[in-house]
Amino acid sequence: MGLCGLAPSDYPVFAQFLVELGINSTSFNPDALISGIENINKAEESKVSFGMAESSN
């Protein structure tokens, strides 16, 4: 599944939502690229951290 739009770069919560859904492709306008990548990376890191916390209990 893919997505094109500004929401993942403007709204970190939306980036988190997409990561939780398993989205594997997104595109950004050049002016939104860095913030979009940062938001997606943070969402992926929190998903991994949360998953590791669950498996250790």
C-alpha atoms as a PDB file:
ATOM      1  CA  MET A   1       0.000   0.000   0.000  1.00  0.00           C
ATOM      2  CA  GLY A   2       1.266   3.507  -0.727  1.00  0.00           C
ATOM      3  CA  LEU A   3       0.307   7.065   0.057  1.00  0.00           C
ATOM      4  CA  CYS A   4       0.981  10.494  -1.326  1.00  0.00           C
ATOM      5  CA  GLY A   5       0.211  13.550   0.771  1.00  0.00           C
ATOM      6  CA  LEU A   6       1.473  15.968   3.398  1.00  0.00           C
ATOM      7  CA  ALA A   7      -0.212  14.516   6.483  1.00  0.00           C
ATOM      8  CA  PRO A   8       2.680  12.200   7.511  1.00  0.00           C
ATOM      9  CA  SER A   9       5.122  15.112   7.433  1.00  0.00           C
ATOM     10  CA  ASP A  10       2.797  17.582   9.150  1.00  0.00           C
ATOM     11  CA  TYR A  11       1.197  15.292  11.747  1.00  0.00           C
ATOM     12  CA  PRO A  12       3.422  12.780  13.588  1.00  0.00           C
ATOM     13  CA  VAL A  13       0.320  11.012  14.927  1.00  0.00           C
ATOM     14  CA  PHE A  14      -0.783  10.307  11.366  1.00  0.00           C
ATOM     15  CA  ALA A  15       2.685   8.961  10.531  1.00  0.00           C
ATOM     16  CA  GLN A  16       2.360   6.644  13.545  1.00  0.00           C
ATOM     17  CA  PHE A  17      -1.058   5.515  12.325  1.00  0.00           C
ATOM     18  CA  LEU A  18       0.334   4.649   8.890  1.00  0.00           C
ATOM     19  CA  VAL A  19       3.240   2.696  10.360  1.00  0.00           C
ATOM     20  CA  GLU A  20       0.827   0.735  12.541  1.00  0.00           C
ATOM     21  CA  LEU A  21      -1.215  -0.086   9.426  1.00  0.00           C
ATOM     22  CA  GLY A  22       1.919  -1.404   7.747  1.00  0.00           C
ATOM     23  CA  ILE A  23       2.185   1.129   4.942  1.00  0.00           C
ATOM     24  CA  ASN A  24       5.339   0.471   2.951  1.00  0.00           C
ATOM     25  CA  SER A  25       5.470   3.395   0.562  1.00  0.00           C
ATOM     26  CA  THR A  26       4.906   7.116   0.774  1.00  0.00           C
ATOM     27  CA  SER A  27       5.981  10.112  -1.250  1.00  0.00           C
ATOM     28  CA  PHE A  28       6.624  13.663  -0.123  1.00  0.00           C
ATOM     29  CA  ASN A  29       7.016  17.063  -1.694  1.00  0.00           C
ATOM     30  CA  PRO A  30      10.641  18.239  -1.531  1.00  0.00           C
ATOM     31  CA  ASP A  31       9.879  20.785   1.205  1.00  0.00           C
ATOM     32  CA  ALA A  32       8.288  18.095   3.403  1.00  0.00           C
ATOM     33  CA  LEU A  33      10.795  15.288   2.836  1.00  0.00           C
ATOM     34  CA  ILE A  34      12.961  15.723   5.943  1.00  0.00           C
ATOM     35  CA  SER A  35      10.095  16.113   8.411  1.00  0.00           C
ATOM     36  CA  GLY A  36       8.264  13.208   6.778  1.00  0.00           C
ATOM     37  CA  ILE A  37      11.276  10.912   7.093  1.00  0.00           C
ATOM     38  CA  GLU A  38      11.802  11.983  10.707  1.00  0.00           C
ATOM     39  CA  ASN A  39       8.166  11.324  11.599  1.00  0.00           C
ATOM     40  CA  ILE A  40       8.136   7.907   9.927  1.00  0.00           C
ATOM     41  CA  ASN A  41      11.434   6.928  11.591  1.00  0.00           C
ATOM     42  CA  LYS A  42      10.156   7.958  15.038  1.00  0.00           C
ATOM     43  CA  ALA A  43       6.951   6.002  14.465  1.00  0.00           C
ATOM     44  CA  GLU A  44       8.898   2.905  13.396  1.00  0.00           C
ATOM     45  CA  GLU A  45      11.235   3.201  16.401  1.00  0.00           C
ATOM     46  CA  SER A  46       8.351   3.470  18.836  1.00  0.00           C
ATOM     47  CA  LYS A  47       6.648   0.476  17.214  1.00  0.00           C
ATOM     48  CA  VAL A  48       9.798  -1.622  17.627  1.00  0.00           C
ATOM     49  CA  SER A  49      10.310  -0.462  21.215  1.00  0.00           C
ATOM     50  CA  PHE A  50       6.703  -1.169  22.078  1.00  0.00           C
ATOM     51  CA  GLY A  51       6.852  -4.610  20.458  1.00  0.00           C
ATOM     52  CA  MET A  52      10.012  -5.504  22.384  1.00  0.00           C
ATOM     53  CA  ALA A  53       8.414  -4.388  25.654  1.00  0.00           C
ATOM     54  CA  GLU A  54       5.416  -6.644  25.016  1.00  0.00           C
ATOM     55  CA  SER A  55       7.513  -9.714  24.208  1.00  0.00           C
ATOM     56  CA  SER A  56       9.593  -9.406  27.373  1.00  0.00           C
ATOM     57  CA  ASN A  57       6.547  -9.625  29.677  1.00  0.00           C
END
